[in-house]
Amino acid sequence: MCLMYRIIVFFCLLSFSSEGQHYRFNTKEDSVFYTSFVNTLYCEQGTPLCFDGTIKISTTDNVGFYLIDVLDTVIRAQGTLNFAAYTQTPEGGKEKIFIDKFTFKIKKGPKPILFFGAVMGGSKIDTTNLNIEVGFIETAPLPNYQITEIQLLFNQKEVITVKGNQLTNSLKNKIKRLSQGAEVGVSVVYKDPLQRLKRLSAIYFL
């Protein structure tokens, strides 16, 4: 009975192998994880496992979605992912069965940059776009940071702090009224999907 059960389970799970399974690495199907960045992984079936010490896997509230953090000590260019399914045995217990295995590439992640509108630090502000964001110059991966606090420093004298990720209309109007050549320092506190807080600062000009 036990042998027959294992055979049935094996052939059922075989349909979840890489031929029929769909994976998305940071919304793409390129099997790439980036360092210094919280990657996302989506798999239709099974649970991802890694035994080679390259990544840390965290679960999310969304079924099939996982957060992947490449460990700081990793200098290798690739790692290996295993996928397992957990099934109920006839005795009422759980059994782990591996259904897929493949390698993924590890690439250096891009450096987060503070953007004031479309410009980086040291640039002139375009007052028609006063949105503040933490992003990348590179097109991939897509940034997944959330700003929680914005601090503005006007001409190295006046400091104004805003909780959240948007400037108020009154602050935007204040910036638009500044004289040409005025200096605006911007410092933000932001968090990644693992809720780790960091700070980023830059100086801009009118």
Protein backbone atom coordinates (compact mmCIF):
# COMPACT_ATOMS: atom_id res chain seq x y z
CA MET A 1 0.00 0.00 0.00
CA CYS A 2 2.79 2.39 0.95
CA LEU A 3 4.74 1.62 -2.22
CA MET A 4 1.67 2.16 -4.40
CA TYR A 5 1.01 5.49 -2.62
CA ARG A 6 4.55 6.69 -3.32
CA ILE A 7 4.28 5.76 -7.00
CA ILE A 8 0.99 7.62 -7.38
CA VAL A 9 2.34 10.71 -5.61
CA PHE A 10 5.53 10.67 -7.70
CA PHE A 11 3.67 10.70 -11.02
CA CYS A 12 1.24 13.38 -9.80
CA LEU A 13 4.08 15.66 -8.76
CA LEU A 14 6.03 14.98 -11.92
CA SER A 15 3.58 17.23 -13.77
CA PHE A 16 4.84 20.13 -11.61
CA SER A 17 8.40 19.85 -12.95
CA SER A 18 10.17 22.68 -14.77
CA GLU A 19 8.54 21.74 -18.09
CA GLY A 20 5.09 22.71 -16.84
CA GLN A 21 6.07 24.95 -13.95
CA HIS A 22 6.35 28.73 -14.37
CA TYR A 23 8.87 30.77 -12.38
CA ARG A 24 9.30 34.54 -12.26
CA PHE A 25 12.43 36.14 -10.90
CA ASN A 26 11.68 39.80 -10.13
CA THR A 27 8.76 39.58 -12.61
CA LYS A 28 11.01 38.04 -15.31
CA GLU A 29 11.84 34.49 -16.39
CA ASP A 30 15.62 34.95 -16.49
CA SER A 31 16.68 33.01 -13.33
CA VAL A 32 18.65 35.97 -11.92
CA PHE A 33 18.91 37.15 -8.31
CA TYR A 34 20.69 40.42 -7.42
CA THR A 35 22.93 41.15 -4.46
CA SER A 36 22.11 43.98 -2.02
CA PHE A 37 18.49 43.81 -3.18
CA VAL A 38 15.38 42.00 -1.97
CA ASN A 39 14.42 39.86 -4.94
CA THR A 40 11.03 38.28 -5.53
CA LEU A 41 10.37 34.74 -6.71
CA TYR A 42 7.05 33.34 -7.91
CA CYS A 43 6.42 29.65 -8.44
CA GLU A 44 3.12 28.01 -9.30
CA GLN A 45 3.73 24.83 -7.33
CA GLY A 46 5.98 23.66 -4.54
CA THR A 47 8.13 25.40 -1.95
CA PRO A 48 11.58 26.80 -2.84
CA LEU A 49 14.53 25.53 -0.79
CA CYS A 50 18.23 26.37 -0.99
CA PHE A 51 20.95 24.26 0.63
CA ASP A 52 24.11 25.86 -0.76
CA GLY A 53 24.25 28.95 1.48
CA THR A 54 23.74 31.52 -1.26
CA ILE A 55 20.30 32.95 -0.43
CA LYS A 56 17.79 33.43 2.36
CA ILE A 57 14.15 32.71 1.47
CA SER A 58 11.27 34.50 3.23
CA THR A 59 7.57 33.77 2.81
CA THR A 60 4.91 36.40 2.03
CA ASP A 61 1.13 36.64 2.45
CA ASN A 62 0.70 36.04 -1.30
CA VAL A 63 0.53 32.39 -2.32
CA GLY A 64 3.48 31.40 -4.51
CA PHE A 65 5.46 34.60 -3.85
CA TYR A 66 8.73 34.59 -1.89
CA LEU A 67 11.34 37.20 -0.96
CA ILE A 68 14.92 36.26 -1.80
CA ASP A 69 17.94 37.88 -0.17
CA VAL A 70 21.42 36.98 -1.50
CA LEU A 71 23.68 36.61 1.55
CA ASP A 72 26.41 39.22 1.99
CA THR A 73 29.16 36.60 2.13
CA VAL A 74 28.38 35.17 -1.32
CA ILE A 75 30.94 35.76 -4.06
CA ARG A 76 29.78 32.95 -6.38
CA ALA A 77 28.13 33.65 -9.73
CA GLN A 78 25.38 31.06 -9.31
CA GLY A 79 23.43 28.95 -6.84
CA THR A 80 20.96 26.07 -6.85
CA LEU A 81 17.24 26.08 -6.07
CA ASN A 82 15.28 23.01 -5.06
CA PHE A 83 11.49 22.81 -5.06
CA ALA A 84 9.58 20.48 -2.79
CA ALA A 85 5.95 19.56 -2.31
CA TYR A 86 4.48 18.41 0.99
CA THR A 87 1.83 15.70 0.84
CA GLN A 88 -0.29 13.87 3.38
CA THR A 89 0.67 10.25 3.93
CA PRO A 90 -1.96 7.52 4.49
CA GLU A 91 -0.86 7.46 8.14
CA GLY A 92 -1.80 11.14 8.56
CA GLY A 93 1.69 12.57 8.52
CA LYS A 94 3.49 14.83 6.02
CA GLU A 95 6.06 13.81 3.43
CA LYS A 96 8.43 16.10 1.53
CA ILE A 97 9.01 15.19 -2.11
CA PHE A 98 11.42 17.11 -4.36
CA ILE A 99 9.80 18.05 -7.67
CA ASP A 100 12.36 20.33 -9.36
CA LYS A 101 15.95 21.58 -9.19
CA PHE A 102 17.92 24.09 -11.26
CA THR A 103 20.65 26.73 -11.01
CA PHE A 104 20.17 30.51 -10.92
CA LYS A 105 22.57 33.35 -11.71
CA ILE A 106 23.79 35.86 -9.12
CA LYS A 107 24.53 39.40 -10.32
CA LYS A 108 25.65 42.54 -8.52
CA GLY A 109 22.64 44.65 -7.62
CA PRO A 110 22.34 48.32 -8.67
CA LYS A 111 23.06 51.14 -6.25
CA PRO A 112 19.96 52.96 -4.89
CA ILE A 113 19.81 56.59 -6.00
CA LEU A 114 17.67 59.45 -4.70
CA PHE A 115 15.66 61.06 -7.48
CA PHE A 116 13.98 64.48 -7.19
CA GLY A 117 11.60 64.23 -10.09
CA ALA A 118 13.72 62.84 -12.91
CA VAL A 119 17.08 64.20 -11.71
CA MET A 120 19.79 62.89 -9.40
CA GLY A 121 21.72 64.74 -6.71
CA GLY A 122 23.83 67.69 -7.84
CA SER A 123 21.33 68.57 -10.58
CA LYS A 124 18.86 71.37 -11.16
CA ILE A 125 15.32 70.72 -9.96
CA ASP A 126 12.50 70.72 -12.49
CA THR A 127 9.69 72.33 -10.51
CA THR A 128 7.05 70.67 -12.71
CA ASN A 129 8.02 67.32 -11.18
CA LEU A 130 8.64 67.36 -7.43
CA ASN A 131 8.11 63.68 -6.67
CA ILE A 132 10.84 62.09 -4.55
CA GLU A 133 11.76 58.45 -5.16
CA VAL A 134 14.51 55.92 -4.46
CA GLY A 135 15.35 54.13 -7.69
CA PHE A 136 18.07 52.88 -10.02
CA ILE A 137 19.77 54.11 -13.16
CA GLU A 138 19.61 50.55 -14.48
CA THR A 139 16.38 49.30 -16.02
CA ALA A 140 16.44 46.02 -14.08
CA PRO A 141 15.50 45.07 -11.49
CA LEU A 142 12.58 47.37 -10.72
CA PRO A 143 13.08 49.28 -7.45
CA ASN A 144 10.87 48.10 -4.59
CA TYR A 145 11.57 50.67 -1.88
CA GLN A 146 9.07 52.67 0.15
CA ILE A 147 9.97 56.11 1.52
CA THR A 148 8.71 56.62 5.08
CA GLU A 149 10.16 60.08 5.86
CA ILE A 150 11.41 63.08 3.88
CA GLN A 151 13.59 65.82 5.33
CA LEU A 152 14.28 69.03 3.41
CA LEU A 153 17.10 71.47 4.17
CA PHE A 154 16.68 74.91 2.58
CA ASN A 155 19.93 76.86 1.99
CA GLN A 156 21.62 74.97 4.86
CA LYS A 157 19.39 76.76 7.38
CA GLU A 158 15.74 75.72 7.54
CA VAL A 159 14.86 72.05 8.12
CA ILE A 160 11.38 70.63 7.45
CA THR A 161 10.46 66.96 8.02
CA VAL A 162 7.54 65.16 6.41
CA LYS A 163 6.27 61.74 7.47
CA GLY A 164 5.38 59.71 4.39
CA ASN A 165 6.59 59.61 0.80
CA GLN A 166 5.06 62.76 -0.68
CA LEU A 167 5.68 66.48 -0.27
CA THR A 168 2.71 68.59 0.75
CA ASN A 169 1.38 71.19 -1.69
CA SER A 170 2.59 73.97 0.59
CA LEU A 171 6.15 72.57 0.47
CA LYS A 172 6.00 72.24 -3.30
CA ASN A 173 4.90 75.87 -3.58
CA LYS A 174 7.71 76.89 -1.21
CA ILE A 175 10.26 75.20 -3.48
CA LYS A 176 8.80 76.87 -6.56
CA ARG A 177 9.17 80.30 -4.89
CA LEU A 178 12.88 79.82 -4.13
CA SER A 179 15.31 82.06 -5.98
CA GLN A 180 17.43 80.72 -8.82
CA GLY A 181 20.52 78.94 -7.54
CA ALA A 182 18.98 78.15 -4.15
CA GLU A 183 20.13 74.90 -2.57
CA VAL A 184 17.77 72.17 -1.36
CA GLY A 185 19.11 69.23 0.60
CA VAL A 186 16.95 66.11 0.62
CA SER A 187 17.31 63.22 3.04
CA VAL A 188 14.90 60.27 3.09
CA VAL A 189 14.35 57.23 5.26
CA TYR A 190 13.20 54.27 3.18
CA LYS A 191 12.54 50.57 3.70
CA ASP A 192 12.85 47.46 1.56
CA PRO A 193 10.30 44.59 1.40
CA LEU A 194 11.98 43.00 4.45
CA GLN A 195 11.19 46.18 6.41
CA ARG A 196 14.85 47.15 6.81
CA LEU A 197 15.29 50.92 7.14
CA LYS A 198 18.01 52.93 5.41
CA ARG A 199 18.76 56.60 4.77
CA LEU A 200 19.76 58.31 1.53
CA SER A 201 20.66 61.98 0.98
CA ALA A 202 21.46 64.33 -1.90
CA ILE A 203 21.68 68.05 -2.70
CA TYR A 204 19.79 69.79 -5.51
CA PHE A 205 19.60 73.32 -6.90
CA LEU A 206 16.98 75.65 -8.35
